[in-house]
């Protein structure tokens, strides 16, 4: 095996900019080839026909509204490939929301949140009622973001999760074996600098080390990654906080009206049907399950049941 195949994806925080941009370009070319240009444009929200009119409406809204410095920071967190883009597309249709996605250079540097001082400044200087950030690589920092950011208005957080089998399929399609390579480094005790290891409990690290990665499949590693990162929801005791809302992607696509209404009530936002106009109600129809190590599958199924119970929906 080529030694490079054992490395995790380049760490955005430490990789030279030129190499990092090259990695991103190769990924986008791969996604365009495998999923189609239209899908890439939709997911990365690159369509100007949709973006420009909304930006104009929000610009006009700001002419007659100014919530400074009382904007509420909202952090949308969880594990990548869990439907967060779909949720952002709905929330951003509320004119009271300023949205700062992962590719926003003012708030993020290579997908990681900039300093608390920068984020605080963005919030207090916003004319909007809410500022939504999507710091998926900083999900393990959600408690300190809520408790220590120091904004005049207290923050809120949304943890979104997706059933593990659907997430595994989506992750493999988009990121290949990146989870396998990251977990291999963490298991070897060399993952201190990786965001993938951020916030993991001693128990989670021990569980990772209990597996042999030389012959593990990318699907099994993706499932294990889903397990350890979504376990943070309970390890950080977010289930005990009134300022954190757990949202199921599968519940959202099955009953978008009910799920979005609940989320709007949590945020204190008036619900509007346009928030779910882009969602076609359906049941999750992920194709035949990918082969996952039975021990890992058991861990995932147990956590999935616990998450479903915490949403009160009785489903993944």
Protein backbone atom coordinates (compact mmCIF):
# COMPACT_ATOMS: atom_id res chain seq x y z
CA UNK A 1 0.00 0.00 0.00
CA UNK A 2 1.21 3.48 -0.87
CA UNK A 3 2.10 5.31 2.38
CA UNK A 4 0.10 8.31 1.14
CA UNK A 5 -3.04 6.16 1.23
CA UNK A 6 -2.70 5.95 4.99
CA UNK A 7 -2.78 9.68 5.52
CA UNK A 8 -5.98 11.49 6.47
CA UNK A 9 -7.32 14.20 4.22
CA UNK A 10 -5.07 17.26 4.42
CA UNK A 11 -5.80 19.20 7.60
CA UNK A 12 -7.23 22.58 6.52
CA UNK A 13 -5.53 24.32 9.42
CA UNK A 14 -1.99 23.21 8.58
CA UNK A 15 -1.92 22.42 4.86
CA UNK A 16 -0.25 25.03 2.62
CA UNK A 17 -2.85 27.09 0.80
CA UNK A 18 -1.83 26.02 -2.72
CA UNK A 19 -2.06 22.32 -1.89
CA UNK A 20 -5.35 22.83 -0.05
CA UNK A 21 -6.88 24.64 -3.03
CA UNK A 22 -5.65 21.87 -5.34
CA UNK A 23 -7.28 19.22 -3.15
CA UNK A 24 -10.58 21.15 -3.20
CA UNK A 25 -10.43 21.56 -6.98
CA UNK A 26 -9.86 17.84 -7.52
CA UNK A 27 -12.79 17.04 -5.24
CA UNK A 28 -15.14 19.37 -7.10
CA UNK A 29 -14.09 17.92 -10.44
CA UNK A 30 -14.73 14.42 -9.07
CA UNK A 31 -18.15 15.41 -7.70
CA UNK A 32 -19.12 17.05 -10.98
CA UNK A 33 -18.16 13.89 -12.89
CA UNK A 34 -19.84 11.42 -10.55
CA UNK A 35 -22.92 13.36 -9.43
CA UNK A 36 -23.36 15.86 -12.25
CA UNK A 37 -22.75 19.58 -12.51
CA UNK A 38 -26.38 20.39 -11.68
CA UNK A 39 -26.12 18.49 -8.39
CA UNK A 40 -22.87 20.27 -7.52
CA UNK A 41 -24.41 23.68 -8.24
CA UNK A 42 -27.46 22.85 -6.13
CA UNK A 43 -25.52 21.51 -3.16
CA UNK A 44 -22.92 24.28 -3.07
CA UNK A 45 -25.65 26.86 -3.69
CA UNK A 46 -23.89 28.29 -6.73
CA UNK A 47 -27.01 29.10 -8.79
CA UNK A 48 -27.16 32.90 -9.20
CA UNK A 49 -30.84 32.70 -10.21
CA UNK A 50 -31.63 31.63 -6.67
CA UNK A 51 -28.94 33.47 -4.76
CA UNK A 52 -29.20 36.97 -6.20
CA UNK A 53 -32.95 37.60 -5.69
CA UNK A 54 -32.71 36.48 -2.06
CA UNK A 55 -29.68 38.70 -1.48
CA UNK A 56 -31.56 41.67 -2.92
CA UNK A 57 -34.59 41.01 -0.70
CA UNK A 58 -32.37 40.85 2.37
CA UNK A 59 -30.59 44.06 1.40
CA UNK A 60 -33.95 45.85 1.22
CA UNK A 61 -34.96 44.26 4.54
CA UNK A 62 -31.86 45.70 6.22
CA UNK A 63 -32.83 49.20 5.12
CA UNK A 64 -35.72 49.15 7.59
CA UNK A 65 -34.42 46.74 10.25
CA UNK A 66 -31.46 46.93 12.58
CA UNK A 67 -31.05 44.51 15.50
CA UNK A 68 -27.49 45.55 16.38
CA UNK A 69 -26.02 44.38 18.72
CA UNK A 70 -28.76 41.95 19.72
CA UNK A 71 -28.54 39.36 16.93
CA UNK A 72 -28.78 35.77 18.15
CA UNK A 73 -25.93 33.46 17.03
CA UNK A 74 -27.19 30.07 15.85
CA UNK A 75 -24.78 27.19 15.29
CA UNK A 76 -25.82 24.34 13.00
CA UNK A 77 -23.61 21.38 13.87
CA UNK A 78 -23.39 17.61 13.50
CA UNK A 79 -21.61 15.24 11.13
CA UNK A 80 -20.93 16.02 7.48
CA UNK A 81 -23.40 14.55 4.94
CA UNK A 82 -26.33 14.78 7.36
CA UNK A 83 -28.60 17.12 5.41
CA UNK A 84 -27.41 20.41 6.87
CA UNK A 85 -27.35 22.12 3.46
CA UNK A 86 -31.03 21.33 3.02
CA UNK A 87 -31.79 22.85 6.40
CA UNK A 88 -29.76 25.98 5.62
CA UNK A 89 -31.63 26.46 2.35
CA UNK A 90 -34.87 26.63 4.31
CA UNK A 91 -33.72 28.80 7.21
CA UNK A 92 -31.99 31.34 4.99
CA UNK A 93 -35.33 32.17 3.35
CA UNK A 94 -36.25 33.96 6.54
CA UNK A 95 -35.20 37.56 5.92
CA UNK A 96 -34.26 37.90 9.57
CA UNK A 97 -31.38 35.44 9.12
CA UNK A 98 -27.86 36.25 8.04
CA UNK A 99 -26.24 32.99 6.94
CA UNK A 100 -22.52 32.30 7.25
CA UNK A 101 -21.77 28.95 5.62
CA UNK A 102 -18.47 27.06 5.73
CA UNK A 103 -17.21 28.72 2.58
CA UNK A 104 -17.67 32.22 4.02
CA UNK A 105 -14.15 33.58 4.31
CA UNK A 106 -15.09 36.25 6.84
CA UNK A 107 -16.30 33.67 9.39
CA UNK A 108 -14.33 30.57 8.40
CA UNK A 109 -10.79 29.71 7.47
CA UNK A 110 -10.70 26.44 5.56
CA UNK A 111 -13.97 25.23 7.10
CA UNK A 112 -12.97 26.05 10.71
CA UNK A 113 -14.49 28.96 12.60
CA UNK A 114 -12.25 31.96 12.99
CA UNK A 115 -11.47 33.26 16.47
CA UNK A 116 -14.23 33.92 18.97
CA UNK A 117 -13.46 37.62 18.68
CA UNK A 118 -14.15 37.55 14.95
CA UNK A 119 -17.36 35.55 15.35
CA UNK A 120 -18.55 37.82 18.15
CA UNK A 121 -17.89 40.85 15.99
CA UNK A 122 -19.88 39.39 13.09
CA UNK A 123 -22.84 38.77 15.38
CA UNK A 124 -22.96 42.13 17.16
CA UNK A 125 -22.48 44.05 13.91
CA UNK A 126 -25.26 42.23 12.08
CA UNK A 127 -28.51 44.06 11.41
CA UNK A 128 -30.32 40.72 11.25
CA UNK A 129 -32.15 39.12 14.15
CA UNK A 130 -30.15 35.91 13.78
CA UNK A 131 -26.74 34.94 12.40
CA UNK A 132 -26.52 31.29 11.39
CA UNK A 133 -23.11 29.58 11.27
CA UNK A 134 -22.51 26.02 10.04
CA UNK A 135 -19.26 24.96 11.77
CA UNK A 136 -19.44 21.19 11.25
CA UNK A 137 -15.70 20.77 11.85
CA UNK A 138 -16.14 22.61 15.16
CA UNK A 139 -19.16 20.67 16.39
CA UNK A 140 -17.22 19.54 19.45
CA UNK A 141 -16.87 23.22 20.49
CA UNK A 142 -20.59 23.92 20.62
CA UNK A 143 -20.72 24.22 24.42
CA UNK A 144 -18.02 26.88 24.58
CA UNK A 145 -19.57 28.68 21.63
CA UNK A 146 -22.87 28.85 23.48
CA UNK A 147 -21.44 29.65 26.91
CA UNK A 148 -18.35 31.74 26.25
CA UNK A 149 -18.87 33.71 23.04
CA UNK A 150 -20.05 36.72 25.03
CA UNK A 151 -22.67 38.11 22.65
CA UNK A 152 -25.44 40.29 24.16
CA UNK A 153 -28.05 37.72 23.10
CA UNK A 154 -27.63 34.10 24.13
CA UNK A 155 -26.91 31.67 21.33
CA UNK A 156 -28.76 28.61 20.08
CA UNK A 157 -27.52 25.40 18.51
CA UNK A 158 -29.08 22.85 16.18
CA UNK A 159 -27.55 19.37 16.03
CA UNK A 160 -28.71 17.59 12.87
CA UNK A 161 -28.16 13.89 12.33
CA UNK A 162 -29.03 11.40 9.63
CA UNK A 163 -29.56 7.64 9.84
CA UNK A 164 -26.13 6.05 9.70
CA UNK A 165 -26.69 3.95 6.58
CA UNK A 166 -27.77 6.96 4.53
CA UNK A 167 -24.88 9.00 5.85
CA UNK A 168 -22.41 6.22 5.03
CA UNK A 169 -23.58 6.02 1.43
CA UNK A 170 -23.48 9.79 0.98
CA UNK A 171 -20.10 10.12 2.63
CA UNK A 172 -18.51 7.38 0.52
CA UNK A 173 -19.90 8.96 -2.64
CA UNK A 174 -18.50 12.39 -1.80
CA UNK A 175 -15.45 11.83 0.39
CA UNK A 176 -14.34 8.30 -0.45
CA UNK A 177 -12.16 6.77 2.28
CA UNK A 178 -11.37 10.03 4.09
CA UNK A 179 -12.99 8.83 7.34
CA UNK A 180 -10.94 5.63 7.21
CA UNK A 181 -7.69 7.53 6.81
CA UNK A 182 -8.51 9.94 9.64
CA UNK A 183 -9.55 7.19 12.06
CA UNK A 184 -6.43 5.21 11.23
CA UNK A 185 -4.27 8.16 12.30
CA UNK A 186 -6.35 8.74 15.46
CA UNK A 187 -6.07 5.05 16.40
CA UNK A 188 -2.29 5.29 16.03
CA UNK A 189 -2.21 8.13 18.57
CA UNK A 190 -1.23 10.77 16.02
CA UNK A 191 -4.53 12.58 15.66
CA UNK A 192 -4.20 15.37 18.21
CA UNK A 193 -4.13 18.02 15.46
CA UNK A 194 -7.12 16.65 13.55
CA UNK A 195 -10.54 18.21 13.93
CA UNK A 196 -11.95 14.70 13.51
CA UNK A 197 -10.56 13.86 16.98
CA UNK A 198 -11.74 17.08 18.58
CA UNK A 199 -13.73 16.61 21.78
CA UNK A 200 -13.76 12.82 21.63
CA UNK A 201 -14.06 11.21 25.04
CA UNK A 202 -11.58 8.69 26.40
CA UNK A 203 -14.24 6.05 25.82
CA UNK A 204 -14.65 7.03 22.17
CA UNK A 205 -10.90 7.02 21.60
CA UNK A 206 -10.63 3.60 23.20
CA UNK A 207 -13.42 2.31 20.96
CA UNK A 208 -11.56 3.60 17.90
CA UNK A 209 -8.35 1.91 19.03
CA UNK A 210 -10.21 -1.38 19.55
CA UNK A 211 -10.61 -1.83 15.79
CA UNK A 212 -8.03 -2.96 13.24
CA UNK A 213 -7.92 -0.52 10.34
CA UNK A 214 -5.56 -2.28 7.94
CA UNK A 215 -8.42 -4.23 6.39
CA UNK A 216 -11.42 -2.11 7.41
CA UNK A 217 -13.67 -1.01 4.56
CA UNK A 218 -14.38 2.68 3.91
CA UNK A 219 -18.06 2.00 4.66
CA UNK A 220 -17.28 0.55 8.09
CA UNK A 221 -14.98 3.47 8.88
CA UNK A 222 -17.63 5.96 7.77
CA UNK A 223 -20.14 4.27 10.08
CA UNK A 224 -17.67 4.33 12.99
CA UNK A 225 -17.01 8.00 12.31
CA UNK A 226 -20.77 8.64 12.35
CA UNK A 227 -20.92 6.87 15.70
CA UNK A 228 -18.09 8.67 17.52
CA UNK A 229 -18.97 12.14 16.21
CA UNK A 230 -22.72 11.86 16.87
CA UNK A 231 -21.93 10.45 20.32
CA UNK A 232 -20.72 13.95 21.14
CA UNK A 233 -24.35 15.02 21.37
CA UNK A 234 -24.67 12.97 24.56
CA UNK A 235 -21.04 13.12 25.69
CA UNK A 236 -21.29 16.93 25.78
CA UNK A 237 -24.67 16.59 27.56
CA UNK A 238 -26.37 18.63 24.86
CA UNK A 239 -29.51 16.59 25.46
CA UNK A 240 -29.82 18.37 28.84
CA UNK A 241 -29.70 21.88 27.40
CA UNK A 242 -32.71 23.99 26.47
CA UNK A 243 -30.63 26.00 24.00
CA UNK A 244 -29.84 22.99 21.77
CA UNK A 245 -32.29 21.34 19.39
CA UNK A 246 -31.78 17.85 17.95
CA UNK A 247 -33.13 17.52 14.40
CA UNK A 248 -33.44 14.35 12.32
CA UNK A 249 -32.83 14.63 8.58
CA UNK A 250 -34.96 11.55 8.00
CA UNK A 251 -37.83 13.10 9.97
CA UNK A 252 -37.39 16.32 7.99
CA UNK A 253 -37.82 14.65 4.61
CA UNK A 254 -40.68 12.48 5.88
CA UNK A 255 -42.65 15.35 7.44
CA UNK A 256 -40.98 18.68 6.61
CA UNK A 257 -43.89 20.79 7.85
CA UNK A 258 -43.92 19.30 11.33
CA UNK A 259 -40.15 19.28 11.70
CA UNK A 260 -39.64 22.84 10.47
CA UNK A 261 -42.48 24.15 12.63
CA UNK A 262 -40.81 22.64 15.67
CA UNK A 263 -37.49 24.17 14.72
CA UNK A 264 -39.06 27.59 14.17
CA UNK A 265 -40.72 27.39 17.59
CA UNK A 266 -37.33 26.59 19.14
CA UNK A 267 -35.70 29.59 17.44
CA UNK A 268 -38.62 31.95 18.01
CA UNK A 269 -39.19 32.48 14.28
CA UNK A 270 -42.57 32.73 12.59
CA UNK A 271 -43.02 29.67 10.39
CA UNK A 272 -43.56 30.22 6.67
CA UNK A 273 -44.33 27.49 4.10
CA UNK A 274 -41.52 28.77 1.87
CA UNK A 275 -39.03 27.42 4.42
CA UNK A 276 -39.80 23.91 3.18
CA UNK A 277 -40.63 24.72 -0.44
CA UNK A 278 -37.48 22.99 -1.64
CA UNK A 279 -38.19 19.73 0.23
CA UNK A 280 -40.23 16.98 -1.38
CA UNK A 281 -41.80 14.92 1.43
CA UNK A 282 -40.66 11.31 1.15
CA UNK A 283 -39.42 8.45 3.22
CA UNK A 284 -35.70 7.80 3.34
CA UNK A 285 -35.03 5.44 0.45
CA UNK A 286 -31.33 4.82 0.65
CA UNK A 287 -30.51 1.88 -1.55
CA UNK A 288 -29.34 -1.49 -0.27
CA UNK A 289 -27.25 -1.03 2.83
CA UNK A 290 -23.50 -0.97 2.36
CA UNK A 291 -21.56 -3.73 4.12
CA UNK A 292 -20.57 -2.51 7.60
CA UNK A 293 -18.64 -4.43 10.25
CA UNK A 294 -21.35 -6.08 12.45
CA UNK A 295 -19.79 -4.76 15.66
CA UNK A 296 -19.77 -1.20 14.29
CA UNK A 297 -23.31 -1.60 12.93
CA UNK A 298 -24.49 -2.64 16.40
CA UNK A 299 -22.92 0.47 17.95
CA UNK A 300 -24.56 2.66 15.32
CA UNK A 301 -27.98 1.07 15.69
CA UNK A 302 -27.88 1.57 19.46
CA UNK A 303 -26.92 5.24 19.15
CA UNK A 304 -29.46 5.75 16.38
CA UNK A 305 -32.23 4.49 18.66
CA UNK A 306 -31.04 6.81 21.42
CA UNK A 307 -30.99 9.79 19.05
CA UNK A 308 -34.44 8.95 17.73
CA UNK A 309 -35.78 8.79 21.28
CA UNK A 310 -34.19 12.17 22.03
CA UNK A 311 -35.97 13.78 19.07
CA UNK A 312 -39.27 12.43 20.32
CA UNK A 313 -40.06 11.29 16.78
CA UNK A 314 -39.58 7.58 17.30
CA UNK A 315 -37.58 7.27 14.09
CA UNK A 316 -33.91 7.77 13.05
